[in-house]
Protein backbone atom coordinates (compact mmCIF):
# COMPACT_ATOMS: atom_id res chain seq x y z
CA UNK A 1 15.04 5.91 -13.31
CA UNK A 2 11.48 5.50 -12.03
CA UNK A 3 9.25 7.97 -10.22
CA UNK A 4 7.85 6.27 -7.13
CA UNK A 5 5.53 7.25 -4.28
CA UNK A 6 6.03 5.44 -0.97
CA UNK A 7 3.26 6.06 1.54
CA UNK A 8 4.01 5.88 5.24
CA UNK A 9 7.71 6.55 4.74
CA UNK A 10 8.71 8.09 8.07
CA UNK A 11 9.75 4.83 9.72
CA UNK A 12 9.90 1.06 9.41
CA UNK A 13 9.49 -0.67 6.07
CA UNK A 14 8.28 2.40 4.23
CA UNK A 15 11.34 4.39 5.21
CA UNK A 16 13.62 1.48 4.32
CA UNK A 17 12.01 1.11 0.88
CA UNK A 18 12.12 4.83 0.16
CA UNK A 19 15.75 5.09 1.24
CA UNK A 20 16.77 2.10 -0.90
CA UNK A 21 14.98 3.52 -3.94
CA UNK A 22 16.50 6.96 -3.46
CA UNK A 23 19.98 5.46 -3.04
CA UNK A 24 19.47 3.56 -6.31
CA UNK A 25 18.86 6.84 -8.13
CA UNK A 26 15.07 6.79 -8.45
CA UNK A 27 12.86 9.86 -8.19
CA UNK A 28 11.11 9.21 -4.87
CA UNK A 29 8.24 11.01 -3.17
CA UNK A 30 7.95 10.25 0.53
CA UNK A 31 4.86 10.69 2.65
CA UNK A 32 4.45 11.89 6.22
CA UNK A 33 1.29 12.34 8.24
CA UNK A 34 2.22 15.80 9.58
CA UNK A 35 4.95 18.43 9.32
CA UNK A 36 6.27 17.22 12.67
CA UNK A 37 6.55 13.65 11.34
CA UNK A 38 8.25 14.96 8.20
CA UNK A 39 11.34 15.67 10.28
CA UNK A 40 12.00 11.92 10.18
CA UNK A 41 12.51 12.01 6.40
CA UNK A 42 14.51 15.25 6.19
CA UNK A 43 17.65 13.27 5.38
CA UNK A 44 15.87 11.95 2.27
CA UNK A 45 14.34 15.27 1.25
CA UNK A 46 17.81 16.80 1.65
CA UNK A 47 18.98 14.20 -0.90
CA UNK A 48 16.28 15.19 -3.38
CA UNK A 49 13.17 13.23 -2.41
CA UNK A 50 9.84 14.96 -2.80
CA UNK A 51 7.47 15.17 0.14
CA UNK A 52 3.70 14.98 0.50
CA UNK A 53 1.85 15.54 3.78
CA UNK A 54 -1.50 14.16 4.84
CA UNK A 55 -3.30 12.10 7.44
CA UNK A 56 -4.64 8.94 5.82
CA UNK A 57 -7.36 8.58 8.43
CA UNK A 58 -9.02 11.51 6.62
CA UNK A 59 -10.28 10.55 3.16
CA UNK A 60 -10.52 14.23 2.18
CA UNK A 61 -6.79 14.50 2.89
CA UNK A 62 -6.18 11.47 0.68
CA UNK A 63 -8.16 13.13 -2.11
CA UNK A 64 -6.15 16.33 -1.67
CA UNK A 65 -2.89 14.38 -1.84
CA UNK A 66 -4.00 12.62 -5.03
CA UNK A 67 -4.96 15.96 -6.62
CA UNK A 68 -1.68 17.54 -5.52
CA UNK A 69 0.35 14.68 -6.94
CA UNK A 70 -1.61 14.64 -10.19
CA UNK A 71 -0.32 18.17 -10.79
CA UNK A 72 3.21 16.76 -10.93
CA UNK A 73 4.86 14.24 -13.25
CA UNK A 74 3.03 10.89 -13.32
CA UNK A 75 4.31 8.05 -11.17
CA UNK A 76 5.73 4.83 -12.47
CA UNK A 77 4.93 3.01 -9.22
CA UNK A 78 3.22 3.41 -5.88
CA UNK A 79 4.15 1.39 -2.82
CA UNK A 80 1.06 1.48 -0.61
CA UNK A 81 2.97 0.96 2.61
CA UNK A 82 1.11 3.01 5.19
CA UNK A 83 -0.78 0.93 7.74
CA UNK A 84 -1.88 0.63 11.34
CA UNK A 85 -2.22 -2.43 13.52
CA UNK A 86 -5.27 -1.67 15.65
CA UNK A 87 -7.91 0.86 16.60
CA UNK A 88 -10.53 2.76 14.63
CA UNK A 89 -8.06 3.87 11.93
CA UNK A 90 -7.54 0.32 10.62
CA UNK A 91 -10.04 0.43 7.77
CA UNK A 92 -9.53 4.09 6.75
CA UNK A 93 -5.74 3.76 6.62
CA UNK A 94 -5.26 0.15 5.51
CA UNK A 95 -8.04 -0.06 2.90
CA UNK A 96 -9.82 3.23 2.11
CA UNK A 97 -6.61 5.22 1.57
CA UNK A 98 -4.95 2.78 -0.87
CA UNK A 99 -8.27 2.32 -2.66
CA UNK A 100 -8.69 6.08 -3.16
CA UNK A 101 -5.10 6.58 -4.26
CA UNK A 102 -5.48 3.72 -6.72
CA UNK A 103 -8.70 5.18 -8.11
CA UNK A 104 -7.56 8.80 -8.23
CA UNK A 105 -3.88 8.86 -9.14
CA UNK A 106 -3.20 8.98 -12.87
CA UNK A 107 -0.55 6.91 -14.48
CA UNK A 108 1.16 4.49 -12.08
CA UNK A 109 2.19 1.44 -14.09
CA UNK A 110 2.84 -0.56 -10.93
CA UNK A 111 1.01 -0.80 -7.63
CA UNK A 112 2.52 -2.65 -4.67
CA UNK A 113 0.19 -3.18 -1.70
CA UNK A 114 1.38 -4.17 1.78
CA UNK A 115 -0.41 -7.27 2.96
CA UNK A 116 0.34 -9.56 5.90
CA UNK A 117 0.21 -13.22 6.81
CA UNK A 118 -2.64 -12.13 9.05
CA UNK A 119 -4.83 -11.85 5.97
CA UNK A 120 -5.38 -15.63 6.16
CA UNK A 121 -7.44 -15.00 9.30
CA UNK A 122 -9.58 -12.36 7.56
CA UNK A 123 -13.29 -12.82 6.89
CA UNK A 124 -14.32 -12.79 3.24
CA UNK A 125 -17.31 -10.53 3.79
CA UNK A 126 -17.72 -6.77 3.99
CA UNK A 127 -21.07 -7.02 5.77
CA UNK A 128 -21.06 -4.82 8.85
CA UNK A 129 -17.59 -3.43 8.14
CA UNK A 130 -17.03 -0.04 9.74
CA UNK A 131 -15.14 1.93 7.10
CA UNK A 132 -15.43 5.30 8.82
CA UNK A 133 -12.89 5.14 11.62
CA UNK A 134 -15.61 5.65 14.22
CA UNK A 135 -15.40 2.07 15.42
CA UNK A 136 -12.94 -0.80 15.69
CA UNK A 137 -11.75 -2.66 12.64
CA UNK A 138 -10.07 -6.01 12.18
CA UNK A 139 -6.45 -5.88 11.03
CA UNK A 140 -6.79 -9.35 9.49
CA UNK A 141 -9.90 -8.28 7.55
CA UNK A 142 -8.17 -5.11 6.34
CA UNK A 143 -5.23 -7.09 4.99
CA UNK A 144 -7.52 -9.59 3.27
CA UNK A 145 -9.39 -6.69 1.68
CA UNK A 146 -6.25 -4.92 0.42
CA UNK A 147 -4.82 -8.19 -0.92
CA UNK A 148 -8.06 -8.78 -2.83
CA UNK A 149 -7.88 -5.18 -4.07
CA UNK A 150 -4.43 -5.92 -5.51
CA UNK A 151 -5.77 -8.99 -7.28
CA UNK A 152 -8.81 -7.09 -8.57
CA UNK A 153 -6.53 -4.38 -9.95
CA UNK A 154 -4.52 -6.99 -11.82
CA UNK A 155 -7.74 -8.28 -13.39
CA UNK A 156 -9.38 -4.95 -14.18
CA UNK A 157 -6.28 -3.03 -15.28
CA UNK A 158 -4.18 -5.50 -17.25
CA UNK A 159 -2.08 -2.64 -18.63
CA UNK A 160 -0.59 -2.13 -15.15
CA UNK A 161 1.14 -4.43 -12.66
CA UNK A 162 -0.50 -4.96 -9.29
CA UNK A 163 0.85 -7.16 -6.51
CA UNK A 164 0.56 -7.67 -2.76
CA UNK A 165 3.48 -8.32 -0.43
CA UNK A 166 3.72 -9.98 2.96
CA UNK A 167 6.89 -8.38 4.34
CA UNK A 168 7.02 -10.79 7.26
CA UNK A 169 6.65 -10.06 10.95
CA UNK A 170 9.59 -7.71 11.28
CA UNK A 171 10.87 -5.62 14.21
CA UNK A 172 9.40 -2.25 13.27
CA UNK A 173 7.39 0.08 15.48
CA UNK A 174 4.28 -1.83 14.41
CA UNK A 175 5.83 -5.30 14.59
CA UNK A 176 7.51 -4.77 17.95
CA UNK A 177 11.14 -5.36 18.99
CA UNK A 178 10.84 -9.14 19.29
CA UNK A 179 9.37 -9.84 15.85
CA UNK A 180 11.14 -12.88 14.37
CA UNK A 181 11.55 -12.00 10.67
CA UNK A 182 14.49 -10.25 9.01
CA UNK A 183 14.06 -6.47 8.87
CA UNK A 184 16.58 -6.20 6.03
CA UNK A 185 14.47 -8.52 3.87
CA UNK A 186 11.23 -6.79 4.81
CA UNK A 187 11.34 -4.05 2.17
CA UNK A 188 13.26 -5.70 -0.64
CA UNK A 189 10.31 -7.39 -2.37
CA UNK A 190 8.43 -4.08 -2.55
CA UNK A 191 11.43 -2.37 -4.15
CA UNK A 192 11.87 -5.25 -6.61
CA UNK A 193 8.22 -5.25 -7.66
CA UNK A 194 8.23 -1.46 -8.03
CA UNK A 195 11.34 -1.28 -10.21
CA UNK A 196 12.55 -4.73 -11.28
CA UNK A 197 12.72 -5.70 -14.93
CA UNK A 198 13.24 -9.45 -14.69
CA UNK A 199 10.31 -11.63 -15.80
CA UNK A 200 8.97 -12.43 -12.31
CA UNK A 201 8.91 -8.76 -11.28
CA UNK A 202 6.89 -8.00 -14.40
CA UNK A 203 4.04 -10.32 -13.46
CA UNK A 204 0.77 -9.17 -11.90
CA UNK A 205 -1.79 -10.43 -9.43
CA UNK A 206 0.69 -12.10 -7.12
CA UNK A 207 0.96 -12.42 -3.36
CA UNK A 208 4.64 -12.38 -2.46
CA UNK A 209 6.83 -13.18 0.53
CA UNK A 210 10.56 -12.50 0.22
CA UNK A 211 10.40 -12.56 -3.60
CA UNK A 212 8.62 -15.90 -3.65
CA UNK A 213 5.05 -16.08 -4.90
CA UNK A 214 2.69 -17.62 -2.34
CA UNK A 215 -0.88 -18.88 -2.39
CA UNK A 216 -3.10 -16.31 -0.65
CA UNK A 217 -6.45 -16.75 1.10
CA UNK A 218 -8.89 -18.40 -1.32
CA UNK A 219 -11.10 -15.29 -1.39
CA UNK A 220 -8.33 -13.12 -2.87
CA UNK A 221 -8.82 -14.50 -6.39
CA UNK A 222 -12.56 -15.03 -6.04
CA UNK A 223 -14.05 -12.63 -8.58
CA UNK A 224 -17.34 -12.54 -6.73
CA UNK A 225 -15.65 -11.42 -3.54
CA UNK A 226 -13.50 -8.90 -5.42
CA UNK A 227 -16.60 -7.40 -7.02
CA UNK A 228 -18.45 -7.22 -3.70
CA UNK A 229 -15.47 -5.53 -2.10
CA UNK A 230 -15.14 -2.99 -4.90
CA UNK A 231 -18.88 -2.30 -4.76
CA UNK A 232 -18.67 -1.66 -1.00
CA UNK A 233 -15.69 0.66 -1.44
CA UNK A 234 -17.36 2.51 -4.29
CA UNK A 235 -20.53 2.99 -2.25
CA UNK A 236 -18.57 4.09 0.81
CA UNK A 237 -16.30 6.57 -0.95
CA UNK A 238 -18.42 7.67 -3.90
CA UNK A 239 -15.42 6.90 -6.09
CA UNK A 240 -15.24 4.10 -8.65
CA UNK A 241 -12.05 2.23 -9.44
CA UNK A 242 -12.79 1.69 -13.10
C-alpha cells in the first residue's frame, strides 16, 4: 500500500485517479480548494481518504499545505494534477504550486506531473513570464515549464522517480464535453506511474501518453533550459529545489 497525494481531486482526472487509488487499497489524500468544494470528495473521505484544503493560486496556501502534510506520514507519491486552462491563475496553479510542493514536501519517492500535448506549442523562455497571477499566462507555456520541471527533477534527484503525463484531450470540465479522447484512459497512466512496479513504471524522466513514452518538446531535456527555469522559479518563490 502506498501513501499518495492527488492535487485537484474534486473532479475530472484528479478525482478519477484518487478514486481508483483508494479503491485499490492505497492511503490517499485528496485536495480541494475550499470547504465547499470538499463536498465533492466526501464519498472518498467517508471511505478513509485524507483531505487537505487550499487555494493553489495563493503560494502561501501551498506552503501551509506542504507544512501541514509534512507533519503527517511521508508520501510515497504525489500526482500533481491540479490545473487551469486560462486566465491569470495559469502560472500560479500550473507551475508555481507543483514547484513549491516538490521543493517543500519531504519524502515522495515518485512525482507525476500533468502535462498536455499543448506543451509542444510552448515557448522555451521564461523572459517576461508573469508568475504572480496578476496578468494572463499561456497554458502552453505552463505545460512546457511543468514538463521540463519533471525532467529536471529526474536529473537532479535520481533517488526518486519523476515523470510527466499527457492524459489526452478528455471530456472533463476543463476539456469540455466534446473532447475526443477516452476519459477512462485519462487517469490510468498517472495511477500506474504512482504505484506500478513493472520496469517501465520504475523509470524516470519520461513524457507519457496512455502508458507509452513519447518524445516531448526539445526544450524539455535541454539542461540549459531546465536550469534557467529552475533559476526563475527559485528567484520568484525564494525557494530552491535542491
